[in-house]
Amino acid sequence: MNFDEAFHHLLGHEGGYSNHEADPGGETMWGVTKVVARAHGYEGLMKDLPVNLAKAIYRKSYWDAVQAESLPPLIRYAVFDAGVNSGPGTAIRWLQEAVGATPDGILGPRTLAAINELSPDGILRRMLAKRLAAMTSMSGWPSFSRGWARRIATLLEA
């Protein structure tokens, strides 16, 4: 999966405008929080955030941040998606735990070597298990658990 495909797939989960009271991210458009949009120079109303700016933000702050292009195709979207939901460092730590690397949140040569020694399918299952287990302790779990669990189930089916 390349970035354009990943972005298109991500929008199926992140969709349009949201301002849910239980979401610690607050106001979002295309899944981009207001804080992240402001950090990228956007000053307008969140409902008006252009999709092309959201795409640029996702590319730089999530896809590139988790070095998705350096990952096996089977796991790159799952790592990107986890980075979007929980931050790139957390996504990389879950990946590192799944491959038995030191979970420091930095995708370096040791982690990449560990990834290349294992089955991508096994890595995917272990990483998603770690992600789901961690999500059950998040403050948003009571409000968003069904959607998060469905999202992870979709990743397992892909």
N, C-alpha and C. Protein backbone atom coordinates (compact mmCIF):
# COMPACT_ATOMS: atom_id res chain seq x y z
N MET A 1 0.86 -1.18 0.00
CA MET A 1 0.00 0.00 0.00
C MET A 1 0.90 1.24 0.00
N ASN A 2 0.61 2.15 -0.91
CA ASN A 2 1.36 3.41 -0.94
C ASN A 2 0.61 4.48 -0.14
N PHE A 3 1.19 5.67 -0.03
CA PHE A 3 0.58 6.70 0.79
C PHE A 3 -0.80 7.11 0.28
N ASP A 4 -0.95 7.29 -1.02
CA ASP A 4 -2.26 7.72 -1.56
C ASP A 4 -3.36 6.71 -1.22
N GLU A 5 -3.05 5.43 -1.36
CA GLU A 5 -4.02 4.40 -0.99
C GLU A 5 -4.30 4.42 0.51
N ALA A 6 -3.25 4.59 1.30
CA ALA A 6 -3.42 4.63 2.75
C ALA A 6 -4.27 5.82 3.18
N PHE A 7 -4.03 6.97 2.57
CA PHE A 7 -4.80 8.16 2.91
C PHE A 7 -6.27 7.97 2.55
N HIS A 8 -6.54 7.43 1.37
CA HIS A 8 -7.92 7.18 0.96
C HIS A 8 -8.61 6.22 1.94
N HIS A 9 -7.90 5.17 2.33
CA HIS A 9 -8.46 4.19 3.28
C HIS A 9 -8.69 4.85 4.65
N LEU A 10 -7.75 5.66 5.07
CA LEU A 10 -7.85 6.33 6.37
C LEU A 10 -9.08 7.24 6.44
N LEU A 11 -9.36 7.94 5.36
CA LEU A 11 -10.52 8.83 5.37
C LEU A 11 -11.82 8.06 5.56
N GLY A 12 -11.83 6.79 5.20
CA GLY A 12 -13.01 5.96 5.45
C GLY A 12 -13.27 5.79 6.94
N HIS A 13 -12.21 5.89 7.74
CA HIS A 13 -12.34 5.79 9.20
C HIS A 13 -12.46 7.16 9.85
N GLU A 14 -11.71 8.11 9.35
CA GLU A 14 -11.62 9.42 10.00
C GLU A 14 -12.68 10.39 9.53
N GLY A 15 -13.17 10.23 8.31
CA GLY A 15 -14.29 11.00 7.79
C GLY A 15 -14.28 12.48 8.10
N GLY A 16 -15.40 13.13 7.98
CA GLY A 16 -15.53 14.58 8.09
C GLY A 16 -15.32 15.19 9.46
N TYR A 17 -16.16 16.14 9.77
CA TYR A 17 -16.03 16.96 10.97
C TYR A 17 -16.54 16.23 12.21
N SER A 18 -15.84 16.43 13.34
CA SER A 18 -16.27 15.86 14.61
C SER A 18 -15.84 16.77 15.75
N ASN A 19 -16.68 16.83 16.75
CA ASN A 19 -16.34 17.57 17.98
C ASN A 19 -17.02 16.85 19.15
N HIS A 20 -16.63 15.61 19.37
CA HIS A 20 -17.24 14.76 20.39
C HIS A 20 -16.70 15.14 21.76
N GLU A 21 -17.57 15.31 22.73
CA GLU A 21 -17.17 15.73 24.08
C GLU A 21 -16.22 14.76 24.77
N ALA A 22 -16.28 13.49 24.41
CA ALA A 22 -15.41 12.50 25.06
C ALA A 22 -14.07 12.32 24.34
N ASP A 23 -13.89 12.99 23.21
CA ASP A 23 -12.65 12.85 22.45
C ASP A 23 -11.61 13.85 22.98
N PRO A 24 -10.51 13.34 23.55
CA PRO A 24 -9.49 14.25 24.07
C PRO A 24 -8.84 15.09 22.98
N GLY A 25 -8.97 14.65 21.72
CA GLY A 25 -8.44 15.43 20.60
C GLY A 25 -9.27 16.65 20.28
N GLY A 26 -10.50 16.68 20.81
CA GLY A 26 -11.37 17.83 20.57
C GLY A 26 -11.85 17.91 19.13
N GLU A 27 -11.96 19.12 18.66
CA GLU A 27 -12.49 19.39 17.33
C GLU A 27 -11.55 18.83 16.25
N THR A 28 -12.13 18.08 15.31
CA THR A 28 -11.33 17.50 14.23
C THR A 28 -12.05 17.60 12.90
N MET A 29 -11.26 17.60 11.86
CA MET A 29 -11.78 17.50 10.49
C MET A 29 -10.86 16.57 9.74
N TRP A 30 -11.43 15.57 9.07
CA TRP A 30 -10.66 14.53 8.37
C TRP A 30 -9.77 13.77 9.36
N GLY A 31 -10.11 13.83 10.65
CA GLY A 31 -9.30 13.17 11.67
C GLY A 31 -8.15 14.01 12.18
N VAL A 32 -7.93 15.18 11.60
CA VAL A 32 -6.87 16.09 12.04
C VAL A 32 -7.42 16.94 13.17
N THR A 33 -6.74 16.92 14.32
CA THR A 33 -7.19 17.73 15.45
C THR A 33 -6.86 19.19 15.23
N LYS A 34 -7.57 20.03 15.94
CA LYS A 34 -7.35 21.46 15.85
C LYS A 34 -5.92 21.82 16.24
N VAL A 35 -5.40 21.18 17.29
CA VAL A 35 -4.03 21.45 17.74
C VAL A 35 -3.03 21.12 16.62
N VAL A 36 -3.22 19.98 15.98
CA VAL A 36 -2.31 19.57 14.90
C VAL A 36 -2.45 20.53 13.70
N ALA A 37 -3.68 20.89 13.35
CA ALA A 37 -3.89 21.81 12.23
C ALA A 37 -3.20 23.15 12.50
N ARG A 38 -3.35 23.66 13.71
CA ARG A 38 -2.71 24.94 14.07
C ARG A 38 -1.18 24.81 14.02
N ALA A 39 -0.66 23.68 14.46
CA ALA A 39 0.79 23.46 14.43
C ALA A 39 1.32 23.46 12.99
N HIS A 40 0.44 23.17 12.03
CA HIS A 40 0.82 23.19 10.62
C HIS A 40 0.41 24.49 9.93
N GLY A 41 0.06 25.50 10.72
CA GLY A 41 -0.21 26.83 10.18
C GLY A 41 -1.63 27.11 9.76
N TYR A 42 -2.56 26.17 9.96
CA TYR A 42 -3.94 26.40 9.56
C TYR A 42 -4.63 27.27 10.60
N GLU A 43 -5.25 28.36 10.17
CA GLU A 43 -5.90 29.30 11.08
C GLU A 43 -7.43 29.34 10.95
N GLY A 44 -7.97 28.67 9.96
CA GLY A 44 -9.41 28.74 9.69
C GLY A 44 -10.24 27.87 10.61
N LEU A 45 -11.54 27.84 10.32
CA LEU A 45 -12.46 26.98 11.04
C LEU A 45 -12.14 25.52 10.71
N MET A 46 -12.23 24.67 11.70
CA MET A 46 -11.92 23.26 11.47
C MET A 46 -12.85 22.64 10.43
N LYS A 47 -14.10 23.06 10.40
CA LYS A 47 -15.05 22.52 9.41
C LYS A 47 -14.61 22.82 7.98
N ASP A 48 -13.73 23.83 7.83
CA ASP A 48 -13.28 24.24 6.50
C ASP A 48 -11.88 23.74 6.15
N LEU A 49 -11.29 22.89 6.99
CA LEU A 49 -9.95 22.39 6.72
C LEU A 49 -9.93 21.68 5.37
N PRO A 50 -9.12 22.15 4.44
CA PRO A 50 -9.08 21.51 3.12
C PRO A 50 -8.51 20.09 3.19
N VAL A 51 -9.09 19.18 2.43
CA VAL A 51 -8.64 17.80 2.44
C VAL A 51 -7.19 17.69 1.97
N ASN A 52 -6.76 18.58 1.06
CA ASN A 52 -5.37 18.51 0.59
C ASN A 52 -4.39 18.90 1.70
N LEU A 53 -4.79 19.78 2.61
CA LEU A 53 -3.94 20.11 3.75
C LEU A 53 -3.91 18.93 4.73
N ALA A 54 -5.06 18.31 4.95
CA ALA A 54 -5.10 17.11 5.81
C ALA A 54 -4.17 16.05 5.24
N LYS A 55 -4.19 15.87 3.93
CA LYS A 55 -3.33 14.87 3.29
C LYS A 55 -1.86 15.20 3.52
N ALA A 56 -1.49 16.46 3.38
CA ALA A 56 -0.09 16.86 3.60
C ALA A 56 0.32 16.63 5.06
N ILE A 57 -0.59 16.92 5.98
CA ILE A 57 -0.32 16.69 7.40
C ILE A 57 -0.12 15.20 7.68
N TYR A 58 -1.00 14.38 7.15
CA TYR A 58 -0.88 12.94 7.35
C TYR A 58 0.42 12.40 6.75
N ARG A 59 0.80 12.92 5.61
CA ARG A 59 2.04 12.45 4.98
C ARG A 59 3.24 12.76 5.87
N LYS A 60 3.36 14.01 6.27
CA LYS A 60 4.55 14.45 7.02
C LYS A 60 4.54 13.94 8.46
N SER A 61 3.43 14.13 9.14
CA SER A 61 3.39 13.89 10.59
C SER A 61 3.11 12.45 10.99
N TYR A 62 2.64 11.63 10.06
CA TYR A 62 2.29 10.25 10.42
C TYR A 62 2.96 9.23 9.49
N TRP A 63 2.70 9.28 8.18
CA TRP A 63 3.27 8.31 7.25
C TRP A 63 4.80 8.38 7.27
N ASP A 64 5.34 9.58 7.07
CA ASP A 64 6.80 9.73 7.08
C ASP A 64 7.36 9.52 8.49
N ALA A 65 6.63 9.95 9.51
CA ALA A 65 7.11 9.84 10.89
C ALA A 65 7.28 8.39 11.34
N VAL A 66 6.44 7.48 10.81
CA VAL A 66 6.61 6.06 11.16
C VAL A 66 7.44 5.32 10.12
N GLN A 67 7.99 6.06 9.15
CA GLN A 67 8.80 5.49 8.08
C GLN A 67 8.08 4.34 7.38
N ALA A 68 6.83 4.59 7.05
CA ALA A 68 5.98 3.55 6.47
C ALA A 68 6.59 2.91 5.22
N GLU A 69 7.25 3.69 4.40
CA GLU A 69 7.83 3.14 3.16
C GLU A 69 8.90 2.09 3.43
N SER A 70 9.50 2.12 4.63
CA SER A 70 10.56 1.15 4.94
C SER A 70 10.01 -0.13 5.56
N LEU A 71 8.71 -0.19 5.77
CA LEU A 71 8.08 -1.35 6.40
C LEU A 71 7.53 -2.31 5.35
N PRO A 72 7.43 -3.60 5.71
CA PRO A 72 6.80 -4.54 4.78
C PRO A 72 5.38 -4.08 4.44
N PRO A 73 4.97 -4.23 3.18
CA PRO A 73 3.64 -3.75 2.77
C PRO A 73 2.50 -4.22 3.66
N LEU A 74 2.56 -5.44 4.18
CA LEU A 74 1.46 -5.97 4.99
C LEU A 74 1.26 -5.20 6.29
N ILE A 75 2.30 -4.61 6.82
CA ILE A 75 2.16 -3.93 8.12
C ILE A 75 2.19 -2.41 8.04
N ARG A 76 2.56 -1.85 6.91
CA ARG A 76 2.76 -0.39 6.87
C ARG A 76 1.48 0.39 7.17
N TYR A 77 0.32 -0.05 6.63
CA TYR A 77 -0.91 0.70 6.93
C TYR A 77 -1.28 0.59 8.40
N ALA A 78 -1.12 -0.56 9.00
CA ALA A 78 -1.47 -0.73 10.41
C ALA A 78 -0.62 0.16 11.31
N VAL A 79 0.66 0.30 10.98
CA VAL A 79 1.54 1.17 11.77
C VAL A 79 1.15 2.63 11.56
N PHE A 80 0.89 3.01 10.32
CA PHE A 80 0.43 4.37 10.01
C PHE A 80 -0.87 4.68 10.75
N ASP A 81 -1.84 3.78 10.68
CA ASP A 81 -3.13 3.97 11.33
C ASP A 81 -2.97 4.11 12.85
N ALA A 82 -2.12 3.28 13.43
CA ALA A 82 -1.86 3.38 14.87
C ALA A 82 -1.21 4.71 15.21
N GLY A 83 -0.32 5.18 14.33
CA GLY A 83 0.31 6.48 14.54
C GLY A 83 -0.69 7.61 14.50
N VAL A 84 -1.65 7.53 13.61
CA VAL A 84 -2.70 8.55 13.52
C VAL A 84 -3.51 8.57 14.82
N ASN A 85 -3.89 7.42 15.32
CA ASN A 85 -4.73 7.36 16.51
C ASN A 85 -4.00 7.62 17.82
N SER A 86 -2.76 7.18 17.91
CA SER A 86 -2.08 7.22 19.20
C SER A 86 -0.72 7.90 19.18
N GLY A 87 -0.33 8.42 18.04
CA GLY A 87 0.96 9.08 17.90
C GLY A 87 2.00 8.15 17.30
N PRO A 88 2.87 8.69 16.46
CA PRO A 88 3.88 7.86 15.80
C PRO A 88 4.79 7.11 16.77
N GLY A 89 5.21 7.74 17.84
CA GLY A 89 6.09 7.07 18.80
C GLY A 89 5.42 5.86 19.44
N THR A 90 4.17 6.01 19.79
CA THR A 90 3.43 4.89 20.38
C THR A 90 3.26 3.77 19.37
N ALA A 91 2.92 4.11 18.12
CA ALA A 91 2.77 3.09 17.08
C ALA A 91 4.07 2.31 16.89
N ILE A 92 5.18 3.02 16.87
CA ILE A 92 6.47 2.35 16.70
C ILE A 92 6.78 1.49 17.92
N ARG A 93 6.44 1.95 19.12
CA ARG A 93 6.67 1.12 20.32
C ARG A 93 5.86 -0.17 20.25
N TRP A 94 4.60 -0.11 19.82
CA TRP A 94 3.80 -1.33 19.68
C TRP A 94 4.44 -2.26 18.66
N LEU A 95 4.93 -1.69 17.56
CA LEU A 95 5.61 -2.50 16.55
C LEU A 95 6.87 -3.14 17.14
N GLN A 96 7.64 -2.36 17.88
CA GLN A 96 8.87 -2.88 18.49
C GLN A 96 8.56 -4.00 19.48
N GLU A 97 7.53 -3.82 20.27
CA GLU A 97 7.14 -4.88 21.21
C GLU A 97 6.73 -6.15 20.44
N ALA A 98 6.06 -5.96 19.31
CA ALA A 98 5.61 -7.11 18.51
C ALA A 98 6.76 -7.90 17.90
N VAL A 99 7.91 -7.23 17.69
CA VAL A 99 9.05 -7.92 17.08
C VAL A 99 10.16 -8.22 18.09
N GLY A 100 9.93 -7.89 19.36
CA GLY A 100 10.92 -8.18 20.39
C GLY A 100 12.07 -7.20 20.45
N ALA A 101 11.88 -6.01 19.88
CA ALA A 101 12.91 -4.96 19.93
C ALA A 101 12.67 -4.08 21.15
N THR A 102 13.68 -3.32 21.53
CA THR A 102 13.55 -2.38 22.65
C THR A 102 12.52 -1.31 22.27
N PRO A 103 11.46 -1.16 23.05
CA PRO A 103 10.39 -0.21 22.70
C PRO A 103 10.76 1.24 23.07
N ASP A 104 11.54 1.87 22.19
CA ASP A 104 11.95 3.26 22.44
C ASP A 104 11.23 4.27 21.55
N GLY A 105 10.37 3.78 20.65
CA GLY A 105 9.61 4.67 19.78
C GLY A 105 10.40 5.21 18.61
N ILE A 106 11.60 4.68 18.37
CA ILE A 106 12.44 5.12 17.27
C ILE A 106 12.65 3.94 16.33
N LEU A 107 12.28 4.10 15.09
CA LEU A 107 12.43 3.02 14.11
C LEU A 107 13.83 3.09 13.52
N GLY A 108 14.75 2.36 14.16
CA GLY A 108 16.14 2.36 13.73
C GLY A 108 16.54 1.04 13.12
N PRO A 109 17.83 0.87 12.86
CA PRO A 109 18.31 -0.33 12.18
C PRO A 109 18.06 -1.63 12.94
N ARG A 110 18.10 -1.60 14.26
CA ARG A 110 17.84 -2.83 15.03
C ARG A 110 16.39 -3.27 14.89
N THR A 111 15.49 -2.30 14.97
CA THR A 111 14.07 -2.64 14.81
C THR A 111 13.80 -3.13 13.40
N LEU A 112 14.36 -2.45 12.40
CA LEU A 112 14.15 -2.88 11.02
C LEU A 112 14.71 -4.28 10.79
N ALA A 113 15.85 -4.59 11.38
CA ALA A 113 16.42 -5.94 11.25
C ALA A 113 15.50 -6.97 11.88
N ALA A 114 14.95 -6.64 13.06
CA ALA A 114 14.02 -7.57 13.72
C ALA A 114 12.77 -7.77 12.88
N ILE A 115 12.27 -6.71 12.27
CA ILE A 115 11.09 -6.81 11.40
C ILE A 115 11.37 -7.75 10.23
N ASN A 116 12.53 -7.61 9.64
CA ASN A 116 12.88 -8.40 8.45
C ASN A 116 13.12 -9.87 8.76
N GLU A 117 13.30 -10.21 10.02
CA GLU A 117 13.52 -11.61 10.41
C GLU A 117 12.23 -12.36 10.69
N LEU A 118 11.12 -11.65 10.78
CA LEU A 118 9.86 -12.28 11.18
C LEU A 118 8.80 -12.21 10.08
N SER A 119 7.79 -13.02 10.24
CA SER A 119 6.66 -13.03 9.31
C SER A 119 5.83 -11.75 9.48
N PRO A 120 5.59 -11.02 8.39
CA PRO A 120 4.75 -9.83 8.50
C PRO A 120 3.38 -10.12 9.09
N ASP A 121 2.80 -11.28 8.76
CA ASP A 121 1.49 -11.63 9.31
C ASP A 121 1.54 -11.77 10.83
N GLY A 122 2.57 -12.41 11.33
CA GLY A 122 2.73 -12.54 12.78
C GLY A 122 2.96 -11.20 13.45
N ILE A 123 3.77 -10.37 12.80
CA ILE A 123 4.02 -9.02 13.34
C ILE A 123 2.71 -8.25 13.43
N LEU A 124 1.93 -8.30 12.35
CA LEU A 124 0.66 -7.58 12.31
C LEU A 124 -0.25 -8.02 13.44
N ARG A 125 -0.43 -9.32 13.62
CA ARG A 125 -1.32 -9.82 14.67
C ARG A 125 -0.83 -9.41 16.06
N ARG A 126 0.46 -9.55 16.32
CA ARG A 126 0.99 -9.19 17.64
C ARG A 126 0.89 -7.69 17.90
N MET A 127 1.18 -6.90 16.88
CA MET A 127 1.09 -5.45 17.05
C MET A 127 -0.34 -5.00 17.32
N LEU A 128 -1.28 -5.54 16.56
CA LEU A 128 -2.68 -5.16 16.76
C LEU A 128 -3.20 -5.63 18.11
N ALA A 129 -2.73 -6.78 18.58
CA ALA A 129 -3.11 -7.25 19.92
C ALA A 129 -2.60 -6.28 20.98
N LYS A 130 -1.38 -5.80 20.82
CA LYS A 130 -0.82 -4.84 21.78
C LYS A 130 -1.59 -3.52 21.72
N ARG A 131 -1.93 -3.11 20.52
CA ARG A 131 -2.69 -1.87 20.34
C ARG A 131 -4.06 -1.98 21.01
N LEU A 132 -4.77 -3.06 20.75
CA LEU A 132 -6.10 -3.23 21.33
C LEU A 132 -6.02 -3.30 22.85
N ALA A 133 -5.06 -4.04 23.38
CA ALA A 133 -4.91 -4.13 24.84
C ALA A 133 -4.65 -2.76 25.45
N ALA A 134 -3.81 -1.97 24.81
CA ALA A 134 -3.51 -0.62 25.32
C ALA A 134 -4.74 0.29 25.24
N MET A 135 -5.50 0.16 24.17
CA MET A 135 -6.66 1.02 23.99
C MET A 135 -7.73 0.79 25.06
N THR A 136 -7.81 -0.42 25.59
CA THR A 136 -8.84 -0.69 26.60
C THR A 136 -8.62 0.11 27.88
N SER A 137 -7.41 0.62 28.08
CA SER A 137 -7.14 1.42 29.29
C SER A 137 -7.20 2.92 29.01
N MET A 138 -7.49 3.31 27.78
CA MET A 138 -7.57 4.73 27.44
C MET A 138 -8.88 5.33 27.93
N SER A 139 -8.84 6.61 28.25
CA SER A 139 -10.02 7.28 28.79
C SER A 139 -11.19 7.28 27.80
N GLY A 140 -10.91 7.24 26.52
CA GLY A 140 -11.97 7.25 25.51
C GLY A 140 -12.60 5.90 25.25
N TRP A 141 -12.07 4.84 25.88
CA TRP A 141 -12.58 3.49 25.61
C TRP A 141 -14.09 3.37 25.80
N PRO A 142 -14.66 3.86 26.90
CA PRO A 142 -16.11 3.71 27.07
C PRO A 142 -16.92 4.33 25.93
N SER A 143 -16.44 5.42 25.36
CA SER A 143 -17.19 6.09 24.30
C SER A 143 -16.89 5.56 22.91
N PHE A 144 -15.65 5.13 22.68
CA PHE A 144 -15.23 4.82 21.31
C PHE A 144 -14.85 3.37 21.08
N SER A 145 -15.05 2.50 22.06
CA SER A 145 -14.56 1.12 21.99
C SER A 145 -15.08 0.36 20.77
N ARG A 146 -16.35 0.49 20.46
CA ARG A 146 -16.88 -0.27 19.32
C ARG A 146 -16.22 0.14 18.02
N GLY A 147 -16.06 1.43 17.81
CA GLY A 147 -15.41 1.91 16.59
C GLY A 147 -13.96 1.51 16.53
N TRP A 148 -13.25 1.64 17.65
CA TRP A 148 -11.83 1.25 17.68
C TRP A 148 -11.67 -0.24 17.43
N ALA A 149 -12.51 -1.04 18.07
CA ALA A 149 -12.42 -2.49 17.89
C ALA A 149 -12.74 -2.88 16.44
N ARG A 150 -13.74 -2.24 15.83
CA ARG A 150 -14.06 -2.51 14.43
C ARG A 150 -12.89 -2.13 13.52
N ARG A 151 -12.25 -1.04 13.85
CA ARG A 151 -11.11 -0.57 13.06
C ARG A 151 -9.98 -1.61 13.09
N ILE A 152 -9.70 -2.13 14.27
CA ILE A 152 -8.65 -3.14 14.40
C ILE A 152 -9.07 -4.44 13.71
N ALA A 153 -10.35 -4.80 13.81
CA ALA A 153 -10.84 -5.99 13.12
C ALA A 153 -10.66 -5.83 11.60
N THR A 154 -10.92 -4.66 11.08
CA THR A 154 -10.72 -4.39 9.65
C THR A 154 -9.25 -4.55 9.27
N LEU A 155 -8.36 -4.11 10.13
CA LEU A 155 -6.93 -4.27 9.87
C LEU A 155 -6.53 -5.73 9.86
N LEU A 156 -7.14 -6.52 10.72
CA LEU A 156 -6.85 -7.95 10.75
C LEU A 156 -7.38 -8.67 9.50
N GLU A 157 -8.50 -8.21 8.98
CA GLU A 157 -9.09 -8.83 7.80
C GLU A 157 -8.33 -8.47 6.53
N ALA A 158 -7.74 -7.29 6.50
CA ALA A 158 -7.02 -6.85 5.30
C ALA A 158 -5.79 -7.69 5.14
